[in-house]
Amino acid sequence: MEVSCHCGNIRITVPATTEEVTSCNCSACSKYAALWAYFSPKEVTITSTKGAISSYCWGYKTLEFHHCDNCGCLTHYTPTKIGNENRMAVNFRLVYPSIIHSLKTRYVDGAADTWAEINK
């Protein structure tokens, strides 16, 4: 399955879709309105035009958010700390809406730093 930013300068191939996405209410994710699908970095292929990807790291600096320099779409995040390198996230807001609607959405409380699941 391939997802891409709006202009197509960043393309991400994942092995298949997922059954669940995560919506986090931390200060970054809530502003990005991302829906995260998690994969092993070994399963994901990212291709881009030269210089298309920019990154942003904030707070505890445990995650690096990546976006397209041309269209601005947030495409994925990668961990920055050792011990968490086996999981990355792809923004599933970039897939067709029909796929998103077929997935369970898990809500987590990143705003309170508990990361506990929120029942909705």
C-alpha atoms as a PDB file:
ATOM      1  CA  MET A   1       0.000   0.000   0.000  1.00  0.00           C
ATOM      2  CA  GLU A   2       1.376   3.415  -0.932  1.00  0.00           C
ATOM      3  CA  VAL A   3       0.514   6.759   0.632  1.00  0.00           C
ATOM      4  CA  SER A   4       1.824  10.139  -0.398  1.00  0.00           C
ATOM      5  CA  CYS A   5       1.752  13.790   0.488  1.00  0.00           C
ATOM      6  CA  HIS A   6      -0.573  16.050  -1.518  1.00  0.00           C
ATOM      7  CA  CYS A   7       1.978  16.946  -4.203  1.00  0.00           C
ATOM      8  CA  GLY A   8       3.498  13.449  -4.392  1.00  0.00           C
ATOM      9  CA  ASN A   9       7.053  14.488  -3.529  1.00  0.00           C
ATOM     10  CA  ILE A  10       7.041  12.043  -0.579  1.00  0.00           C
ATOM     11  CA  ARG A  11       5.770   8.496  -1.074  1.00  0.00           C
ATOM     12  CA  ILE A  12       5.588   5.928   1.676  1.00  0.00           C
ATOM     13  CA  THR A  13       5.050   2.239   1.053  1.00  0.00           C
ATOM     14  CA  VAL A  14       3.765   0.111   3.928  1.00  0.00           C
ATOM     15  CA  PRO A  15       3.241  -3.669   3.762  1.00  0.00           C
ATOM     16  CA  ALA A  16      -0.535  -3.467   4.108  1.00  0.00           C
ATOM     17  CA  THR A  17      -3.151  -1.454   5.817  1.00  0.00           C
ATOM     18  CA  THR A  18      -3.705  -1.729   9.536  1.00  0.00           C
ATOM     19  CA  GLU A  19      -6.772  -2.494  11.619  1.00  0.00           C
ATOM     20  CA  GLU A  20      -6.323   0.495  13.924  1.00  0.00           C
ATOM     21  CA  VAL A  21      -5.084   4.080  13.911  1.00  0.00           C
ATOM     22  CA  THR A  22      -4.273   6.292  16.869  1.00  0.00           C
ATOM     23  CA  SER A  23      -5.500   9.819  17.494  1.00  0.00           C
ATOM     24  CA  CYS A  24      -3.413  11.599  20.120  1.00  0.00           C
ATOM     25  CA  ASN A  25      -4.355  14.856  21.834  1.00  0.00           C
ATOM     26  CA  CYS A  26      -0.814  16.034  22.656  1.00  0.00           C
ATOM     27  CA  SER A  27       0.033  19.574  21.577  1.00  0.00           C
ATOM     28  CA  ALA A  28       1.656  18.486  18.294  1.00  0.00           C
ATOM     29  CA  CYS A  29      -0.670  15.693  17.182  1.00  0.00           C
ATOM     30  CA  SER A  30      -3.834  17.652  17.947  1.00  0.00           C
ATOM     31  CA  LYS A  31      -2.619  20.532  15.775  1.00  0.00           C
ATOM     32  CA  TYR A  32      -1.542  18.165  13.006  1.00  0.00           C
ATOM     33  CA  ALA A  33      -4.861  16.238  13.187  1.00  0.00           C
ATOM     34  CA  ALA A  34      -2.897  13.123  12.351  1.00  0.00           C
ATOM     35  CA  LEU A  35      -4.123   9.543  12.534  1.00  0.00           C
ATOM     36  CA  TRP A  36      -1.125   7.361  13.209  1.00  0.00           C
ATOM     37  CA  ALA A  37      -0.614   3.820  11.935  1.00  0.00           C
ATOM     38  CA  TYR A  38       2.382   2.044  13.424  1.00  0.00           C
ATOM     39  CA  PHE A  39       4.913  -0.099  11.598  1.00  0.00           C
ATOM     40  CA  SER A  40       8.420  -1.421  11.983  1.00  0.00           C
ATOM     41  CA  PRO A  41      10.806   0.841  10.045  1.00  0.00           C
ATOM     42  CA  LYS A  42      12.060  -2.328   8.338  1.00  0.00           C
ATOM     43  CA  GLU A  43       8.607  -2.699   6.722  1.00  0.00           C
ATOM     44  CA  VAL A  44       8.383   0.879   5.413  1.00  0.00           C
ATOM     45  CA  THR A  45       9.944   2.381   2.311  1.00  0.00           C
ATOM     46  CA  ILE A  46      10.117   6.165   2.011  1.00  0.00           C
ATOM     47  CA  THR A  47      11.002   7.777  -1.300  1.00  0.00           C
ATOM     48  CA  SER A  48      11.145  11.483  -1.978  1.00  0.00           C
ATOM     49  CA  THR A  49      12.435  14.043  -4.358  1.00  0.00           C
ATOM     50  CA  LYS A  50      15.699  15.627  -3.263  1.00  0.00           C
ATOM     51  CA  GLY A  51      15.221  18.028  -0.375  1.00  0.00           C
ATOM     52  CA  ALA A  52      11.497  17.315  -0.066  1.00  0.00           C
ATOM     53  CA  ILE A  53      11.492  16.201   3.582  1.00  0.00           C
ATOM     54  CA  SER A  54      11.840  18.550   6.543  1.00  0.00           C
ATOM     55  CA  SER A  55      11.692  17.517  10.174  1.00  0.00           C
ATOM     56  CA  TYR A  56      10.532  18.987  13.457  1.00  0.00           C
ATOM     57  CA  CYS A  57      11.385  17.778  16.959  1.00  0.00           C
ATOM     58  CA  TRP A  58       9.910  19.270  20.145  1.00  0.00           C
ATOM     59  CA  GLY A  59       9.453  18.752  23.894  1.00  0.00           C
ATOM     60  CA  TYR A  60      11.262  15.656  25.136  1.00  0.00           C
ATOM     61  CA  LYS A  61      12.695  15.234  21.631  1.00  0.00           C
ATOM     62  CA  THR A  62      11.704  11.566  21.439  1.00  0.00           C
ATOM     63  CA  LEU A  63       9.980  11.881  18.054  1.00  0.00           C
ATOM     64  CA  GLU A  64      10.905  13.576  14.816  1.00  0.00           C
ATOM     65  CA  PHE A  65       7.896  14.666  12.738  1.00  0.00           C
ATOM     66  CA  HIS A  66       8.495  14.727   8.979  1.00  0.00           C
ATOM     67  CA  HIS A  67       6.633  16.812   6.421  1.00  0.00           C
ATOM     68  CA  CYS A  68       6.842  17.805   2.771  1.00  0.00           C
ATOM     69  CA  ASP A  69       8.692  21.035   2.076  1.00  0.00           C
ATOM     70  CA  ASN A  70       6.491  21.724  -0.930  1.00  0.00           C
ATOM     71  CA  CYS A  71       2.878  21.007   0.096  1.00  0.00           C
ATOM     72  CA  GLY A  72       3.372  20.922   3.882  1.00  0.00           C
ATOM     73  CA  CYS A  73       1.691  17.559   4.532  1.00  0.00           C
ATOM     74  CA  LEU A  74       2.818  15.755   7.667  1.00  0.00           C
ATOM     75  CA  THR A  75       3.762  12.297   6.428  1.00  0.00           C
ATOM     76  CA  HIS A  76       5.313  10.307   9.265  1.00  0.00           C
ATOM     77  CA  TYR A  77       7.297  10.347  12.455  1.00  0.00           C
ATOM     78  CA  THR A  78      10.370   8.452  13.544  1.00  0.00           C
ATOM     79  CA  PRO A  79      11.781   7.872  17.026  1.00  0.00           C
ATOM     80  CA  THR A  80      14.966   9.633  18.056  1.00  0.00           C
ATOM     81  CA  LYS A  81      15.861   7.647  21.177  1.00  0.00           C
ATOM     82  CA  ILE A  82      17.549   4.264  21.367  1.00  0.00           C
ATOM     83  CA  GLY A  83      15.157   1.623  22.606  1.00  0.00           C
ATOM     84  CA  ASN A  84      12.235   2.917  20.570  1.00  0.00           C
ATOM     85  CA  GLU A  85      13.733   2.458  17.115  1.00  0.00           C
ATOM     86  CA  ASN A  86      11.546  -0.525  16.162  1.00  0.00           C
ATOM     87  CA  ARG A  87       8.363   1.516  15.710  1.00  0.00           C
ATOM     88  CA  MET A  88       7.533   4.450  13.513  1.00  0.00           C
ATOM     89  CA  ALA A  89       4.230   5.986  12.495  1.00  0.00           C
ATOM     90  CA  VAL A  90       2.709   6.891   9.148  1.00  0.00           C
ATOM     91  CA  ASN A  91      -0.004   9.550   8.954  1.00  0.00           C
ATOM     92  CA  PHE A  92      -3.034   7.666   7.647  1.00  0.00           C
ATOM     93  CA  ARG A  93      -4.835  10.937   6.933  1.00  0.00           C
ATOM     94  CA  LEU A  94      -2.944  10.546   3.647  1.00  0.00           C
ATOM     95  CA  VAL A  95      -4.896   7.428   2.621  1.00  0.00           C
ATOM     96  CA  TYR A  96      -8.311   7.309   0.978  1.00  0.00           C
ATOM     97  CA  PRO A  97     -11.153   8.265   3.351  1.00  0.00           C
ATOM     98  CA  SER A  98     -12.877   4.935   2.676  1.00  0.00           C
ATOM     99  CA  ILE A  99      -9.864   3.166   4.223  1.00  0.00           C
ATOM    100  CA  ILE A 100      -9.845   5.459   7.261  1.00  0.00           C
ATOM    101  CA  HIS A 101     -13.562   4.832   7.864  1.00  0.00           C
ATOM    102  CA  SER A 102     -12.960   1.081   7.890  1.00  0.00           C
ATOM    103  CA  LEU A 103     -10.388   1.310  10.710  1.00  0.00           C
ATOM    104  CA  LYS A 104     -10.863   1.418  14.460  1.00  0.00           C
ATOM    105  CA  THR A 105      -9.620   4.701  15.950  1.00  0.00           C
ATOM    106  CA  ARG A 106      -7.883   4.504  19.321  1.00  0.00           C
ATOM    107  CA  TYR A 107      -7.745   7.776  21.282  1.00  0.00           C
ATOM    108  CA  VAL A 108      -4.834   8.398  23.670  1.00  0.00           C
ATOM    109  CA  ASP A 109      -4.225  11.137  26.221  1.00  0.00           C
ATOM    110  CA  GLY A 110      -0.876  12.620  25.285  1.00  0.00           C
ATOM    111  CA  ALA A 111      -1.917  16.043  26.611  1.00  0.00           C
ATOM    112  CA  ALA A 112      -1.823  14.770  30.195  1.00  0.00           C
ATOM    113  CA  ASP A 113       1.345  12.761  29.518  1.00  0.00           C
ATOM    114  CA  THR A 114      -0.440   9.609  30.687  1.00  0.00           C
ATOM    115  CA  TRP A 115      -0.780   8.109  27.207  1.00  0.00           C
ATOM    116  CA  ALA A 116      -3.799   6.280  28.594  1.00  0.00           C
ATOM    117  CA  GLU A 117      -6.577   5.280  26.246  1.00  0.00           C
ATOM    118  CA  ILE A 118      -9.553   7.642  26.192  1.00  0.00           C
ATOM    119  CA  ASN A 119     -12.958   6.048  25.740  1.00  0.00           C
ATOM    120  CA  LYS A 120     -15.072   7.843  23.154  1.00  0.00           C
END
